[in-house]
Amino acid sequence: MTAPAAGVLRFGVLGCADIARRRVLPAMAAAPDIELAAVASRSPARAAETARAHGARPVTGYEELLADPDVDALYIPLPAALHAPWVEAALEAGKHVLAEKPLTTDPARTRTLLAEARRRKLVLRENVMFVHHGQHRTVATMVADGVIGELRSLHAAFTIPSPADGDIRFDAELGGGALSDVGLYPVRAAVHLLGPGLRVAGAVLSAAAGRGVETSGAALLRRADGVSAQLTFGMDGAYRSRYELWGSKGRITVDRAFTPPAGHRPRIEVEDASGARTVELAAEDQVAATLAAFTAAVRGGDAAPAGEELRDLLAQADLLAAIRRAAGGQEPAEGISGQPPAPSM
């Protein structure tokens, strides 16, 4: 199923997760070429409440939404362990899919789903939004232009305060844990800014008292040419969303790097041979940019990702798994096809 070239892309939403309600659904409702058609939940009341806020139709149960002929694409913000089975079901139903990150918790399953999307000529994308923000293109251009000389290292951190008790990110059976939820961001930043060939040189994962999943961690990545990436992440500390690129002649620093609000004007701090300066950029909405890229892929018939996008997605998946292995952690849970266990969302 594809949306008409001149028409709107009709989206259905599988679940009412916080990220969907706070960021993605409002952006869908505001997009001129997207119709937020339906919102599904296993809870009728939750479906009705969420759908009503955005002028959509409530649907009880995910299976009904999969079978809806008036829906072209599905956005899947379910817990990480449930992504793979529901992405697979959505592709089998002929729907394009935008799935929350990580696309799956297993690199092999990720590759299988991408191949299936390509075979069915359906668009499948992972919702890593920060890579669609223009500030990172500006940084990459500075590095390529030699502003800080030869690149030496990346230092990236994403930490957030602890979620409330009972949050699904503390549930191991649902694929919870800091690595997949927040560690993905600095890992993807390393892949996005340093390119291919990164390997894990060391990693640690730590769990706060009483938690059944890791709540913080760190990793050291290295390219064959010696360029390194030092990554820190956690969901038990003060908020920090930042990276620095160090070179032989200077440094570039980006704050609020991963989840900037739509109205935020990025300020890139540059220190080079001429001194320190600030490059201020126009505000951008990375959520809207992500949805625009997805819509363009559907209209262009660009099924599974290709080129650098595919390379980065697979490198991210492989590195997340390698970090967990290096830290001695168990593989995260992943749901199975059919009727995976799921909370009311």
Protein backbone atom coordinates (compact mmCIF):
# COMPACT_ATOMS: atom_id res chain seq x y z
CA MET A 1 0.00 0.00 0.00
CA THR A 2 1.29 3.46 -0.87
CA ALA A 3 -0.16 6.90 -0.42
CA PRO A 4 -1.18 8.80 -3.56
CA ALA A 5 1.59 11.11 -4.76
CA ALA A 6 -0.58 14.20 -4.46
CA GLY A 7 -2.47 13.13 -1.34
CA VAL A 8 -1.78 12.94 2.33
CA LEU A 9 -0.14 10.04 4.11
CA ARG A 10 -2.68 8.49 6.46
CA PHE A 11 -1.00 7.44 9.71
CA GLY A 12 -2.18 5.08 12.40
CA VAL A 13 -0.46 4.92 15.78
CA LEU A 14 0.10 1.63 17.58
CA GLY A 15 0.09 2.61 21.24
CA CYS A 16 -0.08 5.78 23.33
CA ALA A 17 3.46 6.03 24.70
CA ASP A 18 4.70 9.26 26.22
CA ILE A 19 7.02 10.11 23.30
CA ALA A 20 4.07 9.73 20.93
CA ARG A 21 1.73 11.95 22.93
CA ARG A 22 4.31 14.65 23.72
CA ARG A 23 6.25 14.99 20.49
CA VAL A 24 5.20 12.89 17.53
CA LEU A 25 1.39 13.06 17.47
CA PRO A 26 1.27 16.88 17.70
CA ALA A 27 3.79 17.08 14.84
CA MET A 28 1.72 14.66 12.75
CA ALA A 29 -1.44 16.64 13.40
CA ALA A 30 0.33 19.83 12.30
CA ALA A 31 1.94 18.41 9.15
CA PRO A 32 0.10 19.49 5.97
CA ASP A 33 0.80 16.23 4.12
CA ILE A 34 -0.04 13.84 6.97
CA GLU A 35 -3.45 12.80 8.26
CA LEU A 36 -3.41 11.36 11.77
CA ALA A 37 -6.17 8.89 11.03
CA ALA A 38 -6.33 6.57 14.02
CA VAL A 39 -4.79 5.81 17.40
CA ALA A 40 -4.92 2.28 18.81
CA SER A 41 -4.59 1.13 22.39
CA ARG A 42 -5.54 -1.99 24.29
CA SER A 43 -7.36 0.39 26.62
CA PRO A 44 -10.48 1.91 24.96
CA ALA A 45 -10.40 4.89 27.31
CA ARG A 46 -6.74 5.63 26.58
CA ALA A 47 -7.28 5.31 22.84
CA ALA A 48 -10.26 7.68 23.01
CA GLU A 49 -8.44 10.25 25.13
CA THR A 50 -5.32 10.31 22.95
CA ALA A 51 -7.18 10.27 19.63
CA ARG A 52 -9.58 13.02 20.71
CA ALA A 53 -6.72 15.39 21.46
CA HIS A 54 -5.59 15.22 17.82
CA GLY A 55 -8.83 14.75 15.92
CA ALA A 56 -8.14 11.09 15.18
CA ARG A 57 -10.30 7.99 15.38
CA PRO A 58 -9.79 5.74 18.44
CA VAL A 59 -9.25 2.03 17.86
CA THR A 60 -9.30 -0.68 20.52
CA GLY A 61 -6.63 -3.30 19.90
CA TYR A 62 -3.63 -3.26 17.61
CA GLU A 63 -4.88 -5.98 15.26
CA GLU A 64 -7.88 -3.90 14.17
CA LEU A 65 -5.60 -1.05 13.17
CA LEU A 66 -3.34 -3.38 11.17
CA ALA A 67 -6.37 -4.43 9.11
CA ASP A 68 -7.65 -0.89 8.50
CA PRO A 69 -7.67 -0.12 4.74
CA ASP A 70 -7.83 3.61 5.45
CA VAL A 71 -4.36 3.64 7.04
CA ASP A 72 -1.25 3.82 4.84
CA ALA A 73 1.48 3.85 7.50
CA LEU A 74 1.93 2.93 11.13
CA TYR A 75 3.95 4.67 13.81
CA ILE A 76 5.01 2.15 16.48
CA PRO A 77 6.09 3.66 19.83
CA LEU A 78 5.73 0.43 21.83
CA PRO A 79 8.40 -0.83 24.27
CA ALA A 80 11.62 -1.93 22.59
CA ALA A 81 11.05 -5.67 22.98
CA LEU A 82 7.74 -5.38 21.12
CA HIS A 83 9.04 -3.51 18.09
CA ALA A 84 10.11 -6.51 16.03
CA PRO A 85 6.87 -8.54 16.16
CA TRP A 86 4.64 -5.57 15.50
CA VAL A 87 6.87 -4.17 12.76
CA GLU A 88 6.76 -7.59 11.14
CA ALA A 89 2.97 -7.72 11.47
CA ALA A 90 2.63 -4.21 10.02
CA LEU A 91 4.75 -5.09 7.00
CA GLU A 92 2.71 -8.26 6.45
CA ALA A 93 -0.40 -6.05 6.52
CA GLY A 94 1.07 -3.88 3.77
CA LYS A 95 1.75 -0.81 5.89
CA HIS A 96 4.74 1.50 5.79
CA VAL A 97 6.36 1.70 9.24
CA LEU A 98 8.02 4.34 11.37
CA ALA A 99 9.19 2.53 14.52
CA GLU A 100 10.60 4.07 17.66
CA LYS A 101 14.24 3.44 18.37
CA PRO A 102 15.77 0.96 18.60
CA LEU A 103 14.15 -0.69 15.59
CA THR A 104 14.75 -4.04 17.31
CA THR A 105 16.92 -5.30 20.16
CA ASP A 106 18.77 -7.76 17.90
CA PRO A 107 20.93 -6.79 14.89
CA ALA A 108 20.03 -9.97 12.99
CA ARG A 109 16.29 -9.29 13.42
CA THR A 110 16.84 -5.71 12.27
CA ARG A 111 18.44 -6.96 9.07
CA THR A 112 15.61 -9.44 8.49
CA LEU A 113 12.94 -6.77 8.82
CA LEU A 114 14.78 -4.37 6.53
CA ALA A 115 15.04 -7.11 3.91
CA GLU A 116 11.33 -7.85 4.30
CA ALA A 117 10.43 -4.18 3.82
CA ARG A 118 12.59 -4.05 0.72
CA ARG A 119 10.96 -7.21 -0.65
CA ARG A 120 7.48 -5.78 -0.11
CA LYS A 121 8.49 -2.30 -1.38
CA LEU A 122 7.39 -0.72 1.89
CA VAL A 123 9.13 2.09 3.75
CA LEU A 124 10.63 1.09 7.10
CA ARG A 125 12.45 3.66 9.20
CA GLU A 126 13.76 3.88 12.77
CA ASN A 127 12.70 7.06 14.57
CA VAL A 128 16.10 8.52 15.48
CA MET A 129 15.15 12.16 15.11
CA PHE A 130 18.27 14.13 16.01
CA VAL A 131 20.10 13.10 12.82
CA HIS A 132 17.53 15.13 10.86
CA HIS A 133 18.47 18.37 12.64
CA GLY A 134 20.60 20.75 10.58
CA GLN A 135 23.01 21.60 13.41
CA HIS A 136 24.79 18.28 12.90
CA ARG A 137 25.24 18.94 9.17
CA THR A 138 26.84 22.25 10.10
CA VAL A 139 29.21 20.47 12.49
CA ALA A 140 30.10 17.84 9.90
CA THR A 141 30.90 20.57 7.37
CA MET A 142 33.17 22.33 9.86
CA VAL A 143 35.06 19.12 10.52
CA ALA A 144 35.37 18.36 6.79
CA ASP A 145 36.64 21.89 6.19
CA GLY A 146 39.42 21.38 8.75
CA VAL A 147 38.18 23.99 11.21
CA ILE A 148 39.59 21.97 14.13
CA GLY A 149 42.38 20.29 12.21
CA GLU A 150 42.66 16.51 12.15
CA LEU A 151 39.90 14.83 14.11
CA ARG A 152 41.10 13.10 17.27
CA SER A 153 38.05 12.16 19.36
CA LEU A 154 34.37 12.53 20.15
CA HIS A 155 33.06 12.92 23.70
CA ALA A 156 29.27 12.46 23.89
CA ALA A 157 26.87 12.25 26.81
CA PHE A 158 23.15 11.80 27.22
CA THR A 159 21.81 11.45 30.75
CA ILE A 160 18.34 12.04 32.16
CA PRO A 161 16.85 12.04 35.66
CA SER A 162 15.41 8.76 36.87
CA PRO A 163 11.95 7.92 35.53
CA ALA A 164 9.23 7.17 38.07
CA ASP A 165 8.96 3.75 39.64
CA GLY A 166 6.96 1.44 37.40
CA ASP A 167 8.18 3.09 34.18
CA ILE A 168 8.48 0.53 31.36
CA ARG A 169 12.15 1.49 30.94
CA PHE A 170 12.83 -0.43 34.16
CA ASP A 171 11.17 -3.59 32.83
CA ALA A 172 13.73 -6.06 31.46
CA GLU A 173 11.03 -8.19 29.79
CA LEU A 174 10.00 -5.18 27.71
CA GLY A 175 13.56 -4.47 26.58
CA GLY A 176 14.16 -1.69 29.10
CA GLY A 177 17.47 -0.29 30.26
CA ALA A 178 19.63 2.76 29.75
CA LEU A 179 21.64 1.39 26.83
CA SER A 180 18.74 1.09 24.38
CA ASP A 181 16.80 4.07 25.69
CA VAL A 182 19.46 6.78 26.12
CA GLY A 183 22.76 5.12 25.23
CA LEU A 184 21.57 4.84 21.65
CA TYR A 185 21.94 8.61 21.20
CA PRO A 186 25.68 8.97 21.84
CA VAL A 187 26.28 5.72 19.95
CA ARG A 188 24.41 7.06 16.92
CA ALA A 189 26.23 10.38 17.25
CA ALA A 190 29.56 8.53 17.04
CA VAL A 191 28.42 6.63 13.96
CA HIS A 192 26.91 9.75 12.38
CA LEU A 193 29.93 11.98 12.94
CA LEU A 194 32.85 9.54 12.80
CA GLY A 195 31.60 7.24 10.06
CA PRO A 196 32.13 3.50 9.61
CA GLY A 197 34.68 1.23 11.19
CA LEU A 198 34.05 1.88 14.89
CA ARG A 199 34.78 -0.97 17.28
CA VAL A 200 34.13 -1.34 21.00
CA ALA A 201 37.35 -1.06 23.02
CA GLY A 202 35.61 -1.30 26.39
CA ALA A 203 32.28 -0.79 28.12
CA VAL A 204 30.57 -0.82 31.49
CA LEU A 205 26.89 -1.06 32.43
CA SER A 206 25.69 -0.35 35.96
CA ALA A 207 22.35 -0.88 37.69
CA ALA A 208 21.10 1.31 40.52
CA ALA A 209 19.97 -0.48 43.67
CA GLY A 210 16.69 -2.28 43.21
CA ARG A 211 16.63 -1.99 39.42
CA GLY A 212 16.52 -5.03 37.17
CA VAL A 213 18.09 -3.26 34.20
CA GLU A 214 21.17 -1.12 33.66
CA THR A 215 20.56 2.50 34.59
CA SER A 216 23.87 3.96 33.40
CA GLY A 217 26.91 3.07 31.39
CA ALA A 218 29.91 4.16 29.38
CA ALA A 219 31.70 2.91 26.29
CA LEU A 220 34.96 3.53 24.51
CA LEU A 221 34.87 3.12 20.75
CA ARG A 222 37.84 3.25 18.40
CA ARG A 223 38.46 3.50 14.68
CA ALA A 224 41.41 1.76 13.04
CA ASP A 225 43.12 5.13 12.53
CA GLY A 226 43.05 5.83 16.28
CA VAL A 227 40.13 8.26 16.41
CA SER A 228 38.11 7.44 19.52
CA ALA A 229 34.66 8.05 20.95
CA GLN A 230 34.06 8.27 24.69
CA LEU A 231 30.36 7.83 25.43
CA THR A 232 28.43 8.30 28.67
CA PHE A 233 24.74 7.61 29.21
CA GLY A 234 22.26 7.05 31.99
CA MET A 235 18.74 7.46 33.32
CA ASP A 236 19.65 8.16 36.91
CA GLY A 237 21.41 11.54 36.86
CA ALA A 238 21.18 15.20 35.96
CA TYR A 239 20.08 16.05 32.43
CA ARG A 240 22.89 16.34 29.91
CA SER A 241 22.65 16.22 26.11
CA ARG A 242 25.97 17.19 24.62
CA TYR A 243 28.91 16.24 22.43
CA GLU A 244 32.36 17.61 21.75
CA LEU A 245 34.62 16.92 18.80
CA TRP A 246 38.31 17.38 19.54
CA GLY A 247 40.82 17.96 16.81
CA SER A 248 44.53 18.70 16.44
CA LYS A 249 43.82 22.46 16.27
CA GLY A 250 40.58 23.04 18.13
CA ARG A 251 37.26 21.83 19.47
CA ILE A 252 33.56 21.98 18.56
CA THR A 253 30.90 21.71 21.28
CA VAL A 254 27.17 21.16 20.77
CA ASP A 255 24.83 21.42 23.74
CA ARG A 256 21.20 20.22 23.75
CA ALA A 257 22.37 17.98 20.95
CA PHE A 258 19.83 15.17 20.96
CA THR A 259 16.38 16.41 22.00
CA PRO A 260 16.21 20.16 21.35
CA PRO A 261 12.74 21.76 21.47
CA ALA A 262 11.39 23.03 18.17
CA GLY A 263 12.00 26.65 19.16
CA HIS A 264 15.58 26.14 20.35
CA ARG A 265 18.24 28.15 18.47
CA PRO A 266 21.36 25.96 18.47
CA ARG A 267 24.64 27.53 19.57
CA ILE A 268 27.74 25.74 18.34
CA GLU A 269 30.82 26.65 20.35
CA VAL A 270 34.03 26.63 18.33
CA GLU A 271 37.58 26.95 19.62
CA ASP A 272 40.28 27.07 16.96
CA ALA A 273 43.52 28.88 16.10
CA SER A 274 41.68 32.22 15.89
CA GLY A 275 40.15 31.89 19.37
CA ALA A 276 36.69 31.04 20.69
CA ARG A 277 33.43 31.94 18.96
CA THR A 278 29.78 30.97 18.92
CA VAL A 279 27.90 30.03 15.77
CA GLU A 280 24.18 30.53 16.29
CA LEU A 281 21.76 28.74 13.97
CA ALA A 282 18.08 29.09 13.22
CA ALA A 283 15.62 27.01 15.21
CA GLU A 284 14.49 23.74 13.63
CA ASP A 285 11.87 21.15 14.51
CA GLN A 286 13.61 17.79 14.20
CA VAL A 287 10.33 15.93 14.73
CA ALA A 288 8.74 17.65 11.74
CA ALA A 289 11.92 17.05 9.73
CA THR A 290 11.82 13.34 10.54
CA LEU A 291 8.19 13.04 9.47
CA ALA A 292 8.92 14.99 6.28
CA ALA A 293 11.77 12.60 5.45
CA PHE A 294 9.51 9.60 6.02
CA THR A 295 6.74 11.04 3.86
CA ALA A 296 9.22 11.82 1.10
CA ALA A 297 10.51 8.23 1.24
CA VAL A 298 6.97 6.88 0.81
CA ARG A 299 6.26 9.16 -2.13
CA GLY A 300 9.63 8.39 -3.68
CA GLY A 301 9.26 4.64 -3.30
CA ASP A 302 12.40 4.45 -1.15
CA ALA A 303 11.64 1.25 0.74
CA ALA A 304 14.27 0.14 3.25
CA PRO A 305 17.06 2.64 3.98
CA ALA A 306 20.06 2.71 1.66
CA GLY A 307 23.51 4.29 1.52
CA GLU A 308 24.74 6.12 4.60
CA GLU A 309 21.37 5.86 6.33
CA LEU A 310 21.42 2.06 6.11
CA ARG A 311 25.10 1.92 7.06
CA ASP A 312 24.52 4.05 10.15
CA LEU A 313 21.42 2.15 11.26
CA LEU A 314 23.19 -1.21 11.06
CA ALA A 315 26.39 0.10 12.66
CA GLN A 316 24.33 1.47 15.55
CA ALA A 317 22.56 -1.86 16.02
CA ASP A 318 25.84 -3.78 15.96
CA LEU A 319 27.56 -1.39 18.37
CA LEU A 320 24.71 -1.49 20.90
CA ALA A 321 24.91 -5.28 20.94
CA ALA A 322 28.72 -5.18 21.14
CA ILE A 323 28.64 -2.74 24.07
CA ARG A 324 26.32 -5.04 25.97
CA ARG A 325 28.57 -8.02 25.30
CA ALA A 326 31.71 -6.10 26.28
CA ALA A 327 30.08 -5.07 29.54
CA GLY A 328 29.10 -8.66 30.28
CA GLY A 329 25.39 -7.93 30.08
CA GLN A 330 22.61 -10.28 29.02
CA GLU A 331 20.90 -9.79 25.70
CA PRO A 332 17.70 -7.75 26.10
CA ALA A 333 14.29 -9.35 25.77
CA GLU A 334 12.44 -9.38 22.48
CA GLY A 335 8.80 -10.26 21.91
CA ILE A 336 7.65 -13.01 19.61
CA SER A 337 5.22 -12.95 16.73
CA GLY A 338 1.52 -13.42 17.37
CA GLN A 339 0.33 -12.04 20.70
CA PRO A 340 3.36 -10.54 22.46
CA PRO A 341 2.91 -9.48 26.06
CA ALA A 342 2.21 -5.77 26.12
CA PRO A 343 1.07 -3.23 28.68
CA SER A 344 -2.06 -1.18 28.09
CA MET A 345 -0.76 1.67 25.97
